[in-house]
Amino acid sequence: MTAEGSFGRLDDDDYPAYTMGRAAEMLGTTQGFLRAVGEARLITPLRSEGGHRRYSRYQLRVAARARELVDNGTPIEAACRIVILEDQLEEAQRINAEYRRAAESRPTADT
């Protein structure tokens, strides 16, 4: 891979750039917390060739939201479920908005 190709990944939210240790440090949490959100299937880190977990910026944002809920007293399993449902709701609202825009742009039968 060329240096130019590598630099393009710096802006990629889905590129697994962070090791477990660095991800935990960035979130101010433990590696055990990251393992727990992985076991709850909130995030699925990619694995390096050596089998080490690697996290993307998007995954870190999701884990940070779960950590916020856990810090406020929500059990980790419930926090993960809440984050998943919030994500699904956001996606459904985005799709509905697209359908509304498409319906509004269609000519009506009266014209």
Protein backbone atom coordinates (compact mmCIF):
# COMPACT_ATOMS: atom_id res chain seq x y z
CA MET A 1 0.00 0.00 0.00
CA THR A 2 1.27 3.45 -0.84
CA ALA A 3 1.58 6.26 1.67
CA GLU A 4 -1.11 8.13 -0.26
CA GLY A 5 -3.52 5.19 0.17
CA SER A 6 -2.71 4.95 3.87
CA PHE A 7 -3.39 8.64 4.51
CA GLY A 8 -6.84 8.28 2.94
CA ARG A 9 -7.79 5.93 5.78
CA LEU A 10 -7.22 8.63 8.39
CA ASP A 11 -10.67 10.04 7.64
CA ASP A 12 -12.37 6.63 7.42
CA ASP A 13 -14.65 6.15 10.45
CA ASP A 14 -14.78 2.40 9.79
CA TYR A 15 -11.05 1.77 9.54
CA PRO A 16 -9.92 -0.37 12.52
CA ALA A 17 -7.04 1.83 13.59
CA TYR A 18 -7.05 1.44 17.38
CA THR A 19 -5.75 -1.40 19.50
CA MET A 20 -7.76 -2.53 22.50
CA GLY A 21 -5.39 -0.80 24.91
CA ARG A 22 -5.48 2.49 23.02
CA ALA A 23 -9.28 2.29 22.60
CA ALA A 24 -9.77 1.71 26.33
CA GLU A 25 -7.45 4.60 27.11
CA MET A 26 -9.30 6.93 24.74
CA LEU A 27 -12.65 6.01 26.31
CA GLY A 28 -11.31 6.18 29.85
CA THR A 29 -12.46 2.64 30.52
CA THR A 30 -11.01 -0.85 30.87
CA GLN A 31 -10.25 -3.46 28.29
CA GLY A 32 -12.77 -5.63 30.12
CA PHE A 33 -15.50 -3.12 29.29
CA LEU A 34 -14.60 -3.35 25.60
CA ARG A 35 -14.70 -7.14 25.81
CA ALA A 36 -18.12 -6.94 27.50
CA VAL A 37 -19.65 -4.71 24.82
CA GLY A 38 -18.21 -7.10 22.25
CA GLU A 39 -19.77 -10.09 24.02
CA ALA A 40 -23.09 -8.22 24.11
CA ARG A 41 -22.66 -7.83 20.33
CA LEU A 42 -22.85 -4.06 20.44
CA ILE A 43 -19.61 -3.84 18.48
CA THR A 44 -17.54 -6.47 16.74
CA PRO A 45 -13.90 -5.44 16.54
CA LEU A 46 -11.89 -6.62 13.59
CA ARG A 47 -8.88 -8.80 14.26
CA SER A 48 -5.33 -8.15 13.18
CA GLU A 49 -3.33 -10.92 11.52
CA GLY A 50 -2.02 -11.74 15.00
CA GLY A 51 -5.57 -12.04 16.38
CA HIS A 52 -5.61 -8.75 18.30
CA ARG A 53 -8.77 -6.69 18.48
CA ARG A 54 -8.80 -3.47 16.44
CA TYR A 55 -11.46 -0.76 16.78
CA SER A 56 -12.69 1.95 14.44
CA ARG A 57 -13.67 5.49 15.41
CA TYR A 58 -17.32 4.59 14.77
CA GLN A 59 -17.06 1.64 17.16
CA LEU A 60 -15.46 3.86 19.78
CA ARG A 61 -18.35 6.33 19.55
CA VAL A 62 -20.84 3.48 20.02
CA ALA A 63 -18.89 2.11 22.99
CA ALA A 64 -18.67 5.60 24.49
CA ARG A 65 -22.47 5.91 24.37
CA ALA A 66 -22.82 2.56 26.15
CA ARG A 67 -20.26 3.64 28.74
CA GLU A 68 -22.24 6.82 29.37
CA LEU A 69 -25.34 4.74 30.13
CA VAL A 70 -23.38 2.33 32.34
CA ASP A 71 -21.84 5.25 34.23
CA ASN A 72 -25.40 6.44 34.93
CA GLY A 73 -26.35 3.09 36.48
CA THR A 74 -27.70 1.11 33.54
CA PRO A 75 -26.59 -2.56 33.49
CA ILE A 76 -24.20 -3.20 30.60
CA GLU A 77 -26.53 -5.62 28.79
CA ALA A 78 -29.37 -3.07 28.94
CA ALA A 79 -27.05 -0.25 27.87
CA CYS A 80 -25.97 -2.23 24.82
CA ARG A 81 -29.58 -2.98 23.91
CA ILE A 82 -30.53 0.69 24.30
CA VAL A 83 -27.70 1.79 22.01
CA ILE A 84 -28.69 -0.83 19.41
CA LEU A 85 -32.32 0.31 19.52
CA GLU A 86 -31.30 3.98 19.28
CA ASP A 87 -29.24 3.15 16.20
CA GLN A 88 -32.11 1.21 14.62
CA LEU A 89 -34.53 4.07 15.32
CA GLU A 90 -32.15 6.61 13.77
CA GLU A 91 -31.82 4.46 10.65
CA ALA A 92 -35.60 3.99 10.38
CA GLN A 93 -36.14 7.75 10.70
CA ARG A 94 -33.55 8.37 7.98
CA ILE A 95 -35.27 5.93 5.64
CA ASN A 96 -38.70 7.44 6.37
CA ALA A 97 -37.37 10.91 5.58
CA GLU A 98 -36.02 9.63 2.25
CA TYR A 99 -39.42 8.11 1.40
CA ARG A 100 -41.17 11.37 2.31
CA ARG A 101 -38.83 13.41 0.11
CA ALA A 102 -39.33 10.98 -2.77
CA ALA A 103 -43.13 11.08 -2.35
CA GLU A 104 -43.16 14.88 -2.20
CA SER A 105 -41.11 15.15 -5.40
CA ARG A 106 -43.40 12.85 -7.42
CA PRO A 107 -45.96 14.60 -9.61
CA THR A 108 -49.54 14.18 -8.41
CA ALA A 109 -52.30 12.71 -10.58
CA ASP A 110 -54.10 16.10 -10.59
CA THR A 111 -51.36 17.91 -12.50
